[in-house]
Amino acid sequence: MKDLLALKTKNVAGNIRKIREYRDYTQDYLAAKLKISQNAYSKIELGYSKLTVDRLFQVALILEVEVNHLLTLDPKDLIKIIADDESKLIASH
């Protein structure tokens, strides 16, 4: 059970990092938006810090994604889904 929890935590951290990189945001940028140090933010992406529900929602808002994407998707599939969502949004305008 502990191993499964650690794996899920790493997946969420990996999803946050992948989206941040996809958006071309720096760790400094997210840290500033969250009003924390870059070092504290880095620990979130590395899975060393536990995320509160509030902080998870803040990160999702800054990254412009649904919280459930951060929680449930495999990091490899995440960027494709976000890119598809953005393409649909652009096509509708």
C-alpha atoms as a PDB file:
ATOM      1  CA  MET A   1       0.000   0.000   0.000  1.00  0.00           C
ATOM      2  CA  LYS A   2       2.801   2.395   0.893  1.00  0.00           C
ATOM      3  CA  ASP A   3       4.524   1.654  -2.435  1.00  0.00           C
ATOM      4  CA  LEU A   4       1.316   2.328  -4.368  1.00  0.00           C
ATOM      5  CA  LEU A   5       0.834   5.640  -2.574  1.00  0.00           C
ATOM      6  CA  ALA A   6       4.426   6.638  -3.338  1.00  0.00           C
ATOM      7  CA  LEU A   7       3.908   5.762  -7.010  1.00  0.00           C
ATOM      8  CA  LYS A   8       0.729   7.830  -7.222  1.00  0.00           C
ATOM      9  CA  THR A   9       2.457  10.763  -5.517  1.00  0.00           C
ATOM     10  CA  LYS A  10       5.310  10.540  -8.048  1.00  0.00           C
ATOM     11  CA  ASN A  11       2.777  10.466 -10.903  1.00  0.00           C
ATOM     12  CA  VAL A  12       1.071  13.642  -9.677  1.00  0.00           C
ATOM     13  CA  ALA A  13       4.446  15.353  -9.244  1.00  0.00           C
ATOM     14  CA  GLY A  14       5.461  14.176 -12.716  1.00  0.00           C
ATOM     15  CA  ASN A  15       2.223  15.497 -14.209  1.00  0.00           C
ATOM     16  CA  ILE A  16       2.818  18.896 -12.638  1.00  0.00           C
ATOM     17  CA  ARG A  17       6.358  19.007 -14.012  1.00  0.00           C
ATOM     18  CA  LYS A  18       5.313  17.864 -17.510  1.00  0.00           C
ATOM     19  CA  ILE A  19       2.578  20.489 -17.779  1.00  0.00           C
ATOM     20  CA  ARG A  20       4.872  23.204 -16.433  1.00  0.00           C
ATOM     21  CA  GLU A  21       7.466  22.314 -19.054  1.00  0.00           C
ATOM     22  CA  TYR A  22       4.806  22.101 -21.783  1.00  0.00           C
ATOM     23  CA  ARG A  23       3.599  25.580 -20.838  1.00  0.00           C
ATOM     24  CA  ASP A  24       7.230  26.737 -20.882  1.00  0.00           C
ATOM     25  CA  TYR A  25       6.960  27.989 -17.303  1.00  0.00           C
ATOM     26  CA  THR A  26       9.963  27.988 -15.004  1.00  0.00           C
ATOM     27  CA  GLN A  27       9.980  26.680 -11.470  1.00  0.00           C
ATOM     28  CA  ASP A  28      10.675  30.259 -10.377  1.00  0.00           C
ATOM     29  CA  TYR A  29       7.486  31.421 -12.121  1.00  0.00           C
ATOM     30  CA  LEU A  30       5.287  28.834 -10.404  1.00  0.00           C
ATOM     31  CA  ALA A  31       6.986  29.419  -7.072  1.00  0.00           C
ATOM     32  CA  ALA A  32       6.316  33.158  -7.354  1.00  0.00           C
ATOM     33  CA  LYS A  33       2.657  32.550  -8.258  1.00  0.00           C
ATOM     34  CA  LEU A  34       2.322  30.211  -5.276  1.00  0.00           C
ATOM     35  CA  LYS A  35       4.218  32.652  -3.031  1.00  0.00           C
ATOM     36  CA  ILE A  36       6.812  30.034  -2.054  1.00  0.00           C
ATOM     37  CA  SER A  37      10.530  29.672  -2.719  1.00  0.00           C
ATOM     38  CA  GLN A  38      11.832  27.949  -5.848  1.00  0.00           C
ATOM     39  CA  ASN A  39      13.374  25.328  -3.568  1.00  0.00           C
ATOM     40  CA  ALA A  40       9.996  24.621  -1.944  1.00  0.00           C
ATOM     41  CA  TYR A  41       8.400  24.370  -5.384  1.00  0.00           C
ATOM     42  CA  SER A  42      11.121  22.006  -6.583  1.00  0.00           C
ATOM     43  CA  LYS A  43      10.280  19.686  -3.684  1.00  0.00           C
ATOM     44  CA  ILE A  44       6.676  19.549  -4.917  1.00  0.00           C
ATOM     45  CA  GLU A  45       7.805  18.395  -8.366  1.00  0.00           C
ATOM     46  CA  LEU A  46      10.182  15.875  -6.866  1.00  0.00           C
ATOM     47  CA  GLY A  47       7.416  14.475  -4.679  1.00  0.00           C
ATOM     48  CA  TYR A  48       9.271  15.324  -1.462  1.00  0.00           C
ATOM     49  CA  SER A  49       6.582  17.724  -0.210  1.00  0.00           C
ATOM     50  CA  LYS A  50       3.036  16.664   0.469  1.00  0.00           C
ATOM     51  CA  LEU A  51       0.499  18.707  -1.453  1.00  0.00           C
ATOM     52  CA  THR A  52      -2.539  20.073   0.317  1.00  0.00           C
ATOM     53  CA  VAL A  53      -5.809  20.089  -1.575  1.00  0.00           C
ATOM     54  CA  ASP A  54      -5.656  23.900  -1.674  1.00  0.00           C
ATOM     55  CA  ARG A  55      -2.141  23.876  -3.111  1.00  0.00           C
ATOM     56  CA  LEU A  56      -3.122  21.263  -5.713  1.00  0.00           C
ATOM     57  CA  PHE A  57      -6.004  23.468  -6.877  1.00  0.00           C
ATOM     58  CA  GLN A  58      -3.680  26.501  -6.999  1.00  0.00           C
ATOM     59  CA  VAL A  59      -1.174  24.612  -9.146  1.00  0.00           C
ATOM     60  CA  ALA A  60      -3.919  23.397 -11.502  1.00  0.00           C
ATOM     61  CA  LEU A  61      -5.241  26.944 -11.867  1.00  0.00           C
ATOM     62  CA  ILE A  62      -1.804  28.350 -12.684  1.00  0.00           C
ATOM     63  CA  LEU A  63      -1.132  25.535 -15.163  1.00  0.00           C
ATOM     64  CA  GLU A  64      -4.612  25.944 -16.688  1.00  0.00           C
ATOM     65  CA  VAL A  65      -5.590  22.291 -16.312  1.00  0.00           C
ATOM     66  CA  GLU A  66      -8.279  20.330 -14.523  1.00  0.00           C
ATOM     67  CA  VAL A  67      -7.214  18.964 -11.155  1.00  0.00           C
ATOM     68  CA  ASN A  68      -8.341  15.497 -12.209  1.00  0.00           C
ATOM     69  CA  HIS A  69      -5.758  15.570 -15.026  1.00  0.00           C
ATOM     70  CA  LEU A  70      -3.026  16.054 -12.455  1.00  0.00           C
ATOM     71  CA  LEU A  71      -4.350  13.227 -10.326  1.00  0.00           C
ATOM     72  CA  THR A  72      -5.323  10.520 -12.747  1.00  0.00           C
ATOM     73  CA  LEU A  73      -3.379  10.665 -15.963  1.00  0.00           C
ATOM     74  CA  ASP A  74      -0.176   8.944 -16.810  1.00  0.00           C
ATOM     75  CA  PRO A  75       2.479  11.628 -17.449  1.00  0.00           C
ATOM     76  CA  LYS A  76       3.103  10.248 -20.960  1.00  0.00           C
ATOM     77  CA  ASP A  77      -0.549  10.704 -21.986  1.00  0.00           C
ATOM     78  CA  LEU A  78      -1.049  14.045 -20.301  1.00  0.00           C
ATOM     79  CA  ILE A  79       0.559  16.352 -22.853  1.00  0.00           C
ATOM     80  CA  LYS A  80      -1.359  14.781 -25.742  1.00  0.00           C
ATOM     81  CA  ILE A  81      -4.675  15.362 -23.964  1.00  0.00           C
ATOM     82  CA  ILE A  82      -3.807  18.985 -23.122  1.00  0.00           C
ATOM     83  CA  ALA A  83      -2.636  19.677 -26.678  1.00  0.00           C
ATOM     84  CA  ASP A  84      -5.855  18.145 -28.057  1.00  0.00           C
ATOM     85  CA  ASP A  85      -7.966  20.258 -25.684  1.00  0.00           C
ATOM     86  CA  GLU A  86      -6.154  23.418 -26.766  1.00  0.00           C
ATOM     87  CA  SER A  87      -6.568  22.540 -30.455  1.00  0.00           C
ATOM     88  CA  LYS A  88     -10.303  22.120 -29.973  1.00  0.00           C
ATOM     89  CA  LEU A  89     -10.501  25.454 -28.173  1.00  0.00           C
ATOM     90  CA  ILE A  90      -8.632  27.250 -30.956  1.00  0.00           C
ATOM     91  CA  ALA A  91     -10.744  25.580 -33.648  1.00  0.00           C
ATOM     92  CA  SER A  92     -13.959  26.721 -31.959  1.00  0.00           C
ATOM     93  CA  HIS A  93     -12.963  30.406 -32.217  1.00  0.00           C
END
